[in-house]
N, C-alpha and C. Protein backbone atom coordinates (compact mmCIF):
# COMPACT_ATOMS: atom_id res chain seq x y z
N UNK A 1 -7.20 18.26 10.51
CA UNK A 1 -6.45 17.42 9.87
C UNK A 1 -5.01 17.56 10.25
N UNK A 2 -4.21 16.48 10.47
CA UNK A 2 -2.84 16.56 10.67
C UNK A 2 -1.90 16.87 9.48
N UNK A 3 -0.85 17.57 9.55
CA UNK A 3 -0.08 17.81 8.43
C UNK A 3 0.66 16.56 8.19
N UNK A 4 1.05 16.28 6.84
CA UNK A 4 1.74 15.03 6.53
C UNK A 4 3.06 14.93 7.29
N UNK A 5 3.36 13.61 7.68
CA UNK A 5 4.52 13.38 8.40
C UNK A 5 5.74 13.13 7.27
N UNK A 6 6.64 13.98 7.26
CA UNK A 6 7.60 13.90 6.11
C UNK A 6 8.57 12.58 6.36
N UNK A 7 8.52 12.06 7.51
CA UNK A 7 9.45 10.96 7.77
C UNK A 7 8.70 9.67 7.08
N UNK A 8 7.36 9.70 6.94
CA UNK A 8 6.64 8.58 6.54
C UNK A 8 6.40 8.68 5.00
N UNK A 9 6.61 9.66 4.29
CA UNK A 9 6.40 9.92 2.88
C UNK A 9 7.69 9.61 2.12
N UNK A 10 7.54 8.54 1.32
CA UNK A 10 8.56 8.19 0.52
C UNK A 10 9.07 9.27 -0.61
N UNK A 11 10.41 9.37 -0.69
CA UNK A 11 10.77 10.41 -1.78
C UNK A 11 11.04 9.60 -3.01
N UNK A 12 10.57 10.12 -4.03
CA UNK A 12 10.60 9.35 -5.31
C UNK A 12 12.16 9.36 -5.82
N UNK A 13 12.52 8.17 -6.32
CA UNK A 13 13.85 8.04 -6.83
C UNK A 13 14.04 7.90 -8.32
N UNK A 14 12.83 8.37 -8.97
CA UNK A 14 13.03 8.21 -10.43
C UNK A 14 13.97 9.30 -10.94
N UNK A 15 14.40 9.29 -12.10
CA UNK A 15 15.25 10.13 -12.73
C UNK A 15 14.68 11.50 -12.90
N UNK A 16 13.46 11.60 -13.26
CA UNK A 16 12.73 12.98 -13.47
C UNK A 16 12.72 13.63 -12.12
N UNK A 17 12.38 13.08 -11.10
CA UNK A 17 12.27 13.67 -9.85
C UNK A 17 13.74 14.04 -9.25
N UNK A 18 14.70 13.21 -9.44
CA UNK A 18 16.02 13.48 -8.99
C UNK A 18 16.58 14.65 -9.73
N UNK A 19 16.16 14.80 -11.03
CA UNK A 19 16.73 15.94 -11.84
C UNK A 19 15.83 17.09 -11.73
N UNK A 20 14.67 16.95 -11.22
CA UNK A 20 13.73 18.13 -11.10
C UNK A 20 13.40 18.73 -12.55
N UNK A 21 13.43 17.92 -13.58
CA UNK A 21 13.19 18.48 -14.88
C UNK A 21 11.73 18.62 -15.18
N UNK A 22 10.87 18.00 -14.43
CA UNK A 22 9.49 18.14 -14.84
C UNK A 22 8.50 18.36 -13.56
N UNK A 23 8.22 19.54 -13.27
CA UNK A 23 7.48 19.78 -11.90
C UNK A 23 6.20 19.13 -11.92
N UNK A 24 5.45 18.82 -13.02
CA UNK A 24 4.11 18.22 -13.06
C UNK A 24 4.26 16.80 -12.68
N UNK A 25 5.22 16.12 -13.31
CA UNK A 25 5.43 14.62 -13.02
C UNK A 25 5.95 14.41 -11.41
N UNK A 26 6.73 15.48 -11.04
CA UNK A 26 7.22 15.41 -9.74
C UNK A 26 6.12 15.59 -8.72
N UNK A 27 5.28 16.49 -8.97
CA UNK A 27 4.09 16.65 -8.11
C UNK A 27 3.20 15.38 -8.09
N UNK A 28 3.12 14.80 -9.29
CA UNK A 28 2.22 13.54 -9.27
C UNK A 28 2.71 12.56 -8.54
N UNK A 29 4.14 12.34 -8.60
CA UNK A 29 4.73 11.36 -7.80
C UNK A 29 4.69 11.69 -6.31
N UNK A 30 4.79 12.78 -6.02
CA UNK A 30 4.69 13.23 -4.48
C UNK A 30 3.21 12.97 -3.91
N UNK A 31 2.15 13.16 -4.68
CA UNK A 31 0.90 12.82 -4.30
C UNK A 31 0.59 11.45 -4.19
N UNK A 32 1.23 10.58 -5.23
CA UNK A 32 1.15 9.02 -5.04
C UNK A 32 1.71 8.67 -3.74
N UNK A 33 2.90 9.14 -3.49
CA UNK A 33 3.56 8.80 -2.18
C UNK A 33 2.89 9.27 -0.96
N UNK A 34 2.30 10.47 -0.93
CA UNK A 34 1.46 10.95 0.17
C UNK A 34 0.35 10.00 0.41
N UNK A 35 -0.40 9.71 -0.63
CA UNK A 35 -1.45 8.71 -0.48
C UNK A 35 -1.11 7.36 0.07
N UNK A 36 -0.01 6.92 -0.37
CA UNK A 36 0.51 5.52 0.13
C UNK A 36 0.84 5.62 1.38
N UNK A 37 1.21 6.84 1.93
CA UNK A 37 1.71 6.85 3.39
C UNK A 37 0.70 6.78 4.45
N UNK A 38 -0.60 6.97 3.82
CA UNK A 38 -1.92 6.93 4.62
C UNK A 38 -2.53 5.59 4.49
N UNK A 39 -2.27 4.72 3.67
CA UNK A 39 -2.86 3.40 3.40
C UNK A 39 -2.17 2.32 4.14
N UNK A 40 -3.03 1.20 4.34
CA UNK A 40 -2.57 0.04 4.97
C UNK A 40 -1.61 -0.66 4.00
N UNK A 41 -0.88 -1.64 4.44
CA UNK A 41 0.01 -2.49 3.55
C UNK A 41 -0.78 -3.19 2.40
N UNK A 42 -1.89 -3.80 2.56
CA UNK A 42 -2.58 -4.44 1.35
C UNK A 42 -3.08 -3.29 0.44
N UNK A 43 -3.61 -2.31 1.13
CA UNK A 43 -4.12 -1.15 0.21
C UNK A 43 -3.03 -0.52 -0.51
N UNK A 44 -1.91 -0.45 -0.14
CA UNK A 44 -0.61 0.13 -0.88
C UNK A 44 -0.29 -0.87 -2.03
N UNK A 45 -0.40 -2.08 -1.75
CA UNK A 45 -0.07 -3.07 -2.79
C UNK A 45 -1.11 -3.03 -3.88
N UNK A 46 -2.36 -2.91 -3.55
CA UNK A 46 -3.49 -3.00 -4.59
C UNK A 46 -3.44 -1.76 -5.38
N UNK A 47 -3.14 -0.67 -4.72
CA UNK A 47 -3.31 0.65 -5.37
C UNK A 47 -2.15 0.70 -6.48
N UNK A 48 -0.83 0.33 -6.07
CA UNK A 48 0.20 0.37 -6.96
C UNK A 48 0.07 -0.69 -7.94
N UNK A 49 -0.50 -1.83 -7.64
CA UNK A 49 -0.83 -2.95 -8.51
C UNK A 49 -1.75 -2.39 -9.68
N UNK A 50 -2.70 -1.61 -9.28
CA UNK A 50 -3.53 -1.01 -10.19
C UNK A 50 -2.92 -0.04 -11.11
N UNK A 51 -2.10 0.76 -10.55
CA UNK A 51 -1.32 1.65 -11.38
C UNK A 51 -0.46 0.89 -12.42
N UNK A 52 0.11 -0.23 -11.94
CA UNK A 52 0.88 -1.03 -12.77
C UNK A 52 0.05 -1.57 -14.07
N UNK A 53 -1.20 -1.81 -13.75
CA UNK A 53 -2.12 -2.48 -14.77
C UNK A 53 -2.68 -1.44 -15.72
N UNK A 54 -2.45 -0.21 -15.51
CA UNK A 54 -3.07 0.87 -16.35
C UNK A 54 -2.35 0.82 -17.70
N UNK A 55 -3.13 1.17 -18.78
CA UNK A 55 -2.57 1.10 -20.09
C UNK A 55 -1.31 1.92 -20.39
N UNK A 56 -1.13 3.06 -19.84
CA UNK A 56 -0.04 3.89 -20.05
C UNK A 56 0.76 3.90 -18.70
N UNK A 57 0.98 2.78 -18.13
CA UNK A 57 1.70 2.64 -16.94
C UNK A 57 3.16 2.77 -17.07
N UNK A 58 3.89 3.39 -16.04
CA UNK A 58 5.39 3.53 -16.19
C UNK A 58 6.03 2.20 -16.06
N UNK A 59 5.27 1.17 -15.71
CA UNK A 59 6.10 -0.25 -15.49
C UNK A 59 6.37 -0.54 -14.02
N UNK A 60 6.48 -1.70 -13.84
CA UNK A 60 6.66 -2.16 -12.48
C UNK A 60 7.98 -1.63 -11.83
N UNK A 61 9.13 -1.78 -12.58
CA UNK A 61 10.44 -1.28 -12.03
C UNK A 61 10.29 0.20 -11.78
N UNK A 62 9.74 0.93 -12.67
CA UNK A 62 9.62 2.40 -12.52
C UNK A 62 8.75 2.73 -11.29
N UNK A 63 7.67 1.88 -11.13
CA UNK A 63 6.68 2.27 -10.05
C UNK A 63 7.41 1.89 -8.79
N UNK A 64 8.34 0.92 -8.79
CA UNK A 64 9.11 0.73 -7.57
C UNK A 64 9.97 1.72 -7.11
N UNK A 65 10.64 2.45 -8.15
CA UNK A 65 11.53 3.62 -7.82
C UNK A 65 10.69 4.69 -7.41
N UNK A 66 9.46 4.91 -7.86
CA UNK A 66 8.61 6.02 -7.50
C UNK A 66 8.17 5.84 -6.13
N UNK A 67 7.70 4.68 -5.73
CA UNK A 67 6.91 4.31 -4.50
C UNK A 67 7.82 3.66 -3.36
N UNK A 68 8.88 3.12 -3.71
CA UNK A 68 9.84 2.46 -2.77
C UNK A 68 9.29 0.89 -2.43
N UNK A 69 8.16 0.47 -3.20
CA UNK A 69 7.80 -0.86 -2.93
C UNK A 69 8.60 -1.75 -3.68
N UNK A 70 8.62 -2.97 -3.23
CA UNK A 70 9.49 -4.02 -4.01
C UNK A 70 8.70 -4.37 -5.21
N UNK A 71 9.35 -4.73 -6.40
CA UNK A 71 8.67 -5.03 -7.66
C UNK A 71 7.76 -6.36 -7.27
N UNK A 72 8.27 -7.26 -6.67
CA UNK A 72 7.43 -8.44 -6.30
C UNK A 72 6.10 -8.09 -5.59
N UNK A 73 6.24 -7.09 -4.72
CA UNK A 73 4.99 -6.66 -3.98
C UNK A 73 4.04 -6.01 -4.87
N UNK A 74 4.52 -5.31 -5.87
CA UNK A 74 3.69 -4.66 -6.94
C UNK A 74 3.12 -5.63 -7.91
N UNK A 75 3.79 -6.71 -8.31
CA UNK A 75 3.27 -7.76 -9.03
C UNK A 75 2.29 -8.61 -8.47
N UNK A 76 2.49 -8.79 -7.04
CA UNK A 76 1.38 -9.52 -6.34
C UNK A 76 0.17 -8.75 -6.13
N UNK A 77 0.26 -7.32 -5.90
CA UNK A 77 -0.90 -6.47 -5.75
C UNK A 77 -1.68 -6.43 -7.13
N UNK A 78 -1.05 -6.49 -8.31
CA UNK A 78 -1.62 -6.56 -9.52
C UNK A 78 -2.39 -7.84 -9.75
N UNK A 79 -1.84 -9.01 -9.40
CA UNK A 79 -2.40 -10.21 -9.54
C UNK A 79 -3.82 -10.38 -8.64
N UNK A 80 -3.62 -9.81 -7.38
CA UNK A 80 -4.62 -9.91 -6.50
C UNK A 80 -5.78 -9.11 -6.97
N UNK A 81 -5.57 -7.82 -7.58
CA UNK A 81 -6.66 -7.04 -8.04
C UNK A 81 -7.31 -7.56 -9.30
N UNK A 82 -6.35 -8.11 -10.15
CA UNK A 82 -7.10 -8.68 -11.42
C UNK A 82 -7.87 -9.91 -11.15
N UNK A 83 -7.63 -10.57 -10.14
CA UNK A 83 -8.50 -11.81 -9.71
C UNK A 83 -9.64 -11.54 -8.76
N UNK A 84 -9.76 -10.16 -8.58
CA UNK A 84 -10.90 -9.71 -7.86
C UNK A 84 -10.83 -9.88 -6.16
N UNK A 85 -9.69 -9.98 -5.84
CA UNK A 85 -9.40 -10.09 -4.25
C UNK A 85 -10.28 -11.34 -3.74
N UNK A 86 -10.12 -12.49 -4.28
CA UNK A 86 -11.00 -13.62 -3.84
C UNK A 86 -10.68 -13.96 -2.27
N UNK A 87 -9.37 -13.81 -1.97
CA UNK A 87 -9.08 -14.20 -0.51
C UNK A 87 -9.44 -13.24 0.59
N UNK A 88 -9.97 -12.03 0.13
CA UNK A 88 -10.28 -11.09 1.09
C UNK A 88 -11.87 -10.81 1.05
N UNK A 89 -12.55 -11.40 2.03
CA UNK A 89 -14.08 -11.16 2.14
C UNK A 89 -14.29 -9.76 2.38
N UNK A 90 -15.33 -9.14 1.84
CA UNK A 90 -15.67 -7.76 2.16
C UNK A 90 -16.17 -7.65 3.54
N UNK A 91 -15.83 -6.32 4.10
CA UNK A 91 -16.31 -6.25 5.55
C UNK A 91 -15.31 -6.81 6.45
N UNK A 92 -14.27 -7.25 6.04
CA UNK A 92 -13.27 -7.88 7.09
C UNK A 92 -11.86 -7.21 6.78
N UNK A 93 -11.27 -7.08 8.01
CA UNK A 93 -9.71 -6.59 7.72
C UNK A 93 -8.78 -7.66 7.45
N UNK A 94 -9.11 -8.84 7.99
CA UNK A 94 -8.16 -9.93 7.91
C UNK A 94 -8.87 -11.12 7.16
N UNK A 95 -8.21 -12.07 6.81
CA UNK A 95 -8.79 -13.29 6.42
C UNK A 95 -9.36 -14.09 7.63
N UNK A 96 -10.31 -15.05 7.21
CA UNK A 96 -10.75 -15.68 8.29
C UNK A 96 -9.69 -16.62 9.05
N UNK A 97 -9.65 -16.58 10.29
CA UNK A 97 -8.73 -17.28 11.03
C UNK A 97 -7.55 -16.61 11.31
N UNK A 98 -7.31 -15.35 10.80
CA UNK A 98 -6.09 -14.65 11.01
C UNK A 98 -6.20 -13.79 12.25
N UNK A 99 -5.14 -13.24 12.82
CA UNK A 99 -5.19 -12.53 13.96
C UNK A 99 -4.86 -13.41 15.22
N UNK A 100 -4.87 -12.61 16.46
CA UNK A 100 -4.60 -13.30 17.61
C UNK A 100 -5.78 -14.17 18.02
N UNK A 101 -5.42 -15.40 18.63
CA UNK A 101 -6.66 -16.18 19.06
C UNK A 101 -7.34 -15.51 20.24
N UNK A 102 -8.61 -15.76 20.32
CA UNK A 102 -9.44 -15.19 21.43
C UNK A 102 -9.03 -15.56 22.81
N UNK A 103 -8.86 -14.79 23.62
CA UNK A 103 -8.36 -14.97 25.06
C UNK A 103 -9.62 -15.27 25.86
N UNK A 104 -9.53 -16.16 26.82
CA UNK A 104 -10.54 -16.23 27.82
C UNK A 104 -10.28 -15.35 28.95
N UNK A 105 -11.30 -14.58 29.49
CA UNK A 105 -11.17 -13.74 30.62
C UNK A 105 -11.07 -14.66 31.91
N UNK A 106 -10.07 -14.32 32.64
CA UNK A 106 -9.97 -14.96 33.97
C UNK A 106 -10.44 -14.14 35.08
N UNK A 107 -11.37 -14.83 35.91
CA UNK A 107 -11.81 -14.23 37.08
C UNK A 107 -11.32 -14.97 38.25
N UNK A 108 -10.73 -14.24 39.02
CA UNK A 108 -9.97 -14.88 40.23
C UNK A 108 -10.98 -14.91 41.48
N UNK A 109 -10.84 -16.05 42.07
CA UNK A 109 -11.64 -16.36 43.31
C UNK A 109 -13.13 -16.35 42.96
N UNK A 110 -13.46 -16.80 41.85
CA UNK A 110 -14.95 -16.77 41.49
C UNK A 110 -15.49 -18.11 41.94
N UNK A 111 -16.53 -18.12 42.64
CA UNK A 111 -17.42 -19.28 42.93
C UNK A 111 -18.67 -19.29 42.54
N UNK A 112 -19.29 -20.40 42.10
CA UNK A 112 -20.63 -20.43 41.61
C UNK A 112 -21.63 -20.40 42.61
């Protein structure tokens, strides 16, 4: 397993982590950001959206400080998870029709 890339892991900007006043919360925020550094963009959005929907959630603005995600992105992820991810079929990375168009293979000097 590769060690975490410190350049890719967001450093929490919340007041607790900046002051270093609560090592338990600081470690929790570090783990959240470590996990986020390994997820794809939609997965990050959905995970933090799920955190925002939790009963004792710190709130969208606070989660934005913790994770570095935009509050609009967090709200979008929360909406997507609450509606059951209807636009994303299971077993697919992208929506139907997304991605680069299929290219035809060119064969030079081909004769039937």
